[in-house]
Amino acid sequence: MQRNVGGLDRIVRTVLGTWLLVVAGAAVLAGRRTTAVATAIAGSGLLINAATRFCGGNFLLGIDTTEASCSSE
């Protein structure tokens, strides 16, 4: 897999993914299972994207936010 997530995009995915997992934990404590599952899946997906630096959606849309793609030549 070629990397297509980097820079600010990676930071935002990490912060948002962590926040969604916290929301999932709060939803579990409140007894809202559906909300907990949905936010846990979304948060985990974002954290996996940030860790692997690859996003299937970015790939399909031709988006590359890595530093190498931002160089001006």
N, C-alpha and C. Protein backbone atom coordinates (compact mmCIF):
# COMPACT_ATOMS: atom_id res chain seq x y z
N MET A 1 0.83 -1.18 0.00
CA MET A 1 0.00 0.00 0.00
C MET A 1 0.88 1.25 0.00
N GLN A 2 0.53 2.17 -0.86
CA GLN A 2 1.25 3.43 -0.92
C GLN A 2 0.62 4.40 0.07
N ARG A 3 1.45 5.13 0.78
CA ARG A 3 0.95 6.10 1.75
C ARG A 3 0.24 7.25 1.05
N ASN A 4 -0.92 7.65 1.61
CA ASN A 4 -1.62 8.80 1.06
C ASN A 4 -2.22 9.69 2.16
N VAL A 5 -1.80 9.47 3.42
CA VAL A 5 -2.25 10.29 4.54
C VAL A 5 -1.02 10.82 5.25
N GLY A 6 -0.95 12.12 5.41
CA GLY A 6 0.19 12.70 6.10
C GLY A 6 -0.10 14.10 6.58
N GLY A 7 0.85 14.67 7.29
CA GLY A 7 0.76 16.04 7.75
C GLY A 7 -0.43 16.31 8.64
N LEU A 8 -1.09 17.43 8.38
CA LEU A 8 -2.24 17.85 9.18
C LEU A 8 -3.37 16.82 9.11
N ASP A 9 -3.55 16.20 7.97
CA ASP A 9 -4.59 15.17 7.80
C ASP A 9 -4.41 14.05 8.82
N ARG A 10 -3.19 13.61 9.01
CA ARG A 10 -2.89 12.52 9.95
C ARG A 10 -3.16 12.95 11.39
N ILE A 11 -2.80 14.19 11.72
CA ILE A 11 -3.03 14.70 13.07
C ILE A 11 -4.52 14.80 13.36
N VAL A 12 -5.27 15.32 12.40
CA VAL A 12 -6.73 15.46 12.58
C VAL A 12 -7.38 14.10 12.74
N ARG A 13 -6.95 13.12 11.96
CA ARG A 13 -7.51 11.77 12.08
C ARG A 13 -7.22 11.16 13.45
N THR A 14 -6.02 11.41 13.98
CA THR A 14 -5.65 10.88 15.29
C THR A 14 -6.49 11.52 16.39
N VAL A 15 -6.61 12.84 16.36
CA VAL A 15 -7.38 13.55 17.39
C VAL A 15 -8.86 13.17 17.30
N LEU A 16 -9.42 13.19 16.11
CA LEU A 16 -10.84 12.87 15.95
C LEU A 16 -11.12 11.40 16.31
N GLY A 17 -10.22 10.49 15.92
CA GLY A 17 -10.40 9.08 16.25
C GLY A 17 -10.38 8.84 17.75
N THR A 18 -9.45 9.51 18.44
CA THR A 18 -9.37 9.39 19.90
C THR A 18 -10.63 9.94 20.55
N TRP A 19 -11.09 11.10 20.07
CA TRP A 19 -12.30 11.71 20.61
C TRP A 19 -13.51 10.79 20.41
N LEU A 20 -13.62 10.17 19.24
CA LEU A 20 -14.74 9.27 18.98
C LEU A 20 -14.71 8.05 19.89
N LEU A 21 -13.52 7.56 20.23
CA LEU A 21 -13.43 6.43 21.16
C LEU A 21 -13.85 6.85 22.57
N VAL A 22 -13.54 8.08 22.95
CA VAL A 22 -14.00 8.59 24.25
C VAL A 22 -15.52 8.71 24.26
N VAL A 23 -16.09 9.19 23.16
CA VAL A 23 -17.56 9.28 23.04
C VAL A 23 -18.16 7.88 23.10
N ALA A 24 -17.52 6.90 22.49
CA ALA A 24 -18.02 5.52 22.54
C ALA A 24 -18.03 5.01 23.98
N GLY A 25 -16.98 5.32 24.72
CA GLY A 25 -16.94 4.93 26.13
C GLY A 25 -18.05 5.57 26.94
N ALA A 26 -18.30 6.84 26.69
CA ALA A 26 -19.38 7.54 27.39
C ALA A 26 -20.74 6.95 27.00
N ALA A 27 -20.89 6.57 25.73
CA ALA A 27 -22.15 5.97 25.28
C ALA A 27 -22.38 4.62 25.94
N VAL A 28 -21.32 3.86 26.14
CA VAL A 28 -21.45 2.56 26.83
C VAL A 28 -21.94 2.80 28.26
N LEU A 29 -21.34 3.78 28.94
CA LEU A 29 -21.75 4.07 30.32
C LEU A 29 -23.19 4.57 30.40
N ALA A 30 -23.65 5.23 29.33
CA ALA A 30 -25.03 5.74 29.31
C ALA A 30 -26.02 4.69 28.81
N GLY A 31 -25.53 3.51 28.43
CA GLY A 31 -26.41 2.45 27.97
C GLY A 31 -26.88 2.61 26.53
N ARG A 32 -26.17 3.37 25.73
CA ARG A 32 -26.54 3.59 24.32
C ARG A 32 -25.62 2.74 23.45
N ARG A 33 -25.97 1.49 23.31
CA ARG A 33 -25.11 0.53 22.60
C ARG A 33 -24.91 0.86 21.13
N THR A 34 -25.96 1.24 20.44
CA THR A 34 -25.85 1.53 19.01
C THR A 34 -24.90 2.70 18.76
N THR A 35 -25.05 3.75 19.56
CA THR A 35 -24.15 4.91 19.44
C THR A 35 -22.73 4.49 19.76
N ALA A 36 -22.56 3.68 20.79
CA ALA A 36 -21.23 3.24 21.19
C ALA A 36 -20.55 2.44 20.08
N VAL A 37 -21.27 1.53 19.47
CA VAL A 37 -20.70 0.70 18.40
C VAL A 37 -20.34 1.56 17.19
N ALA A 38 -21.24 2.44 16.79
CA ALA A 38 -21.00 3.28 15.61
C ALA A 38 -19.79 4.20 15.81
N THR A 39 -19.71 4.85 16.96
CA THR A 39 -18.59 5.75 17.19
C THR A 39 -17.28 4.98 17.40
N ALA A 40 -17.34 3.80 17.98
CA ALA A 40 -16.13 3.00 18.15
C ALA A 40 -15.59 2.54 16.80
N ILE A 41 -16.47 2.15 15.90
CA ILE A 41 -16.03 1.74 14.56
C ILE A 41 -15.42 2.91 13.81
N ALA A 42 -16.09 4.06 13.86
CA ALA A 42 -15.58 5.24 13.16
C ALA A 42 -14.24 5.69 13.75
N GLY A 43 -14.14 5.73 15.06
CA GLY A 43 -12.90 6.14 15.71
C GLY A 43 -11.76 5.18 15.43
N SER A 44 -12.05 3.89 15.47
CA SER A 44 -11.02 2.89 15.18
C SER A 44 -10.54 3.01 13.73
N GLY A 45 -11.47 3.24 12.83
CA GLY A 45 -11.11 3.40 11.42
C GLY A 45 -10.18 4.58 11.20
N LEU A 46 -10.49 5.70 11.84
CA LEU A 46 -9.63 6.89 11.70
C LEU A 46 -8.23 6.64 12.30
N LEU A 47 -8.19 5.95 13.44
CA LEU A 47 -6.89 5.67 14.05
C LEU A 47 -6.07 4.69 13.21
N ILE A 48 -6.73 3.74 12.59
CA ILE A 48 -6.03 2.81 11.70
C ILE A 48 -5.49 3.56 10.49
N ASN A 49 -6.28 4.48 9.93
CA ASN A 49 -5.80 5.32 8.81
C ASN A 49 -4.57 6.11 9.22
N ALA A 50 -4.60 6.70 10.41
CA ALA A 50 -3.48 7.51 10.87
C ALA A 50 -2.24 6.64 11.10
N ALA A 51 -2.43 5.45 11.65
CA ALA A 51 -1.29 4.57 11.95
C ALA A 51 -0.66 3.99 10.68
N THR A 52 -1.49 3.57 9.74
CA THR A 52 -0.96 2.95 8.52
C THR A 52 -0.63 3.98 7.45
N ARG A 53 -1.12 5.22 7.64
CA ARG A 53 -0.94 6.31 6.69
C ARG A 53 -1.54 5.99 5.32
N PHE A 54 -2.59 5.18 5.32
CA PHE A 54 -3.29 4.84 4.09
C PHE A 54 -4.79 4.95 4.33
N CYS A 55 -5.49 5.56 3.38
CA CYS A 55 -6.95 5.67 3.44
C CYS A 55 -7.52 5.22 2.11
N GLY A 56 -8.39 4.23 2.15
CA GLY A 56 -9.01 3.73 0.93
C GLY A 56 -9.84 4.79 0.22
N GLY A 57 -10.53 5.62 0.98
CA GLY A 57 -11.32 6.70 0.39
C GLY A 57 -10.43 7.70 -0.35
N ASN A 58 -9.32 8.06 0.26
CA ASN A 58 -8.36 8.96 -0.41
C ASN A 58 -7.85 8.31 -1.69
N PHE A 59 -7.58 7.02 -1.63
CA PHE A 59 -7.07 6.30 -2.79
C PHE A 59 -8.07 6.34 -3.95
N LEU A 60 -9.33 6.07 -3.64
CA LEU A 60 -10.37 6.06 -4.68
C LEU A 60 -10.59 7.45 -5.29
N LEU A 61 -10.43 8.49 -4.47
CA LEU A 61 -10.64 9.85 -4.94
C LEU A 61 -9.37 10.50 -5.50
N GLY A 62 -8.24 9.79 -5.39
CA GLY A 62 -6.98 10.33 -5.91
C GLY A 62 -6.39 11.42 -5.04
N ILE A 63 -6.70 11.41 -3.75
CA ILE A 63 -6.19 12.42 -2.82
C ILE A 63 -4.93 11.88 -2.14
N ASP A 64 -3.90 12.73 -2.07
CA ASP A 64 -2.65 12.36 -1.41
C ASP A 64 -2.20 13.54 -0.56
N THR A 65 -2.21 13.39 0.77
CA THR A 65 -1.83 14.49 1.66
C THR A 65 -0.45 14.29 2.29
N THR A 66 0.33 13.37 1.76
CA THR A 66 1.67 13.17 2.30
C THR A 66 2.58 14.33 1.89
N GLU A 67 3.66 14.47 2.63
CA GLU A 67 4.59 15.58 2.39
C GLU A 67 5.21 15.50 1.00
N ALA A 68 5.45 14.30 0.49
CA ALA A 68 6.08 14.12 -0.82
C ALA A 68 5.20 14.70 -1.93
N SER A 69 3.89 14.64 -1.75
CA SER A 69 3.00 15.14 -2.80
C SER A 69 2.86 16.66 -2.74
N CYS A 70 3.29 17.27 -1.65
CA CYS A 70 3.12 18.71 -1.48
C CYS A 70 4.33 19.50 -1.97
N SER A 71 5.37 18.83 -2.41
CA SER A 71 6.56 19.56 -2.86
C SER A 71 6.29 20.23 -4.19
N SER A 72 6.77 21.45 -4.33
CA SER A 72 6.55 22.17 -5.60
C SER A 72 7.75 21.98 -6.51
N GLU A 73 7.50 21.44 -7.66
CA GLU A 73 8.57 21.19 -8.63
C GLU A 73 8.25 21.86 -9.93
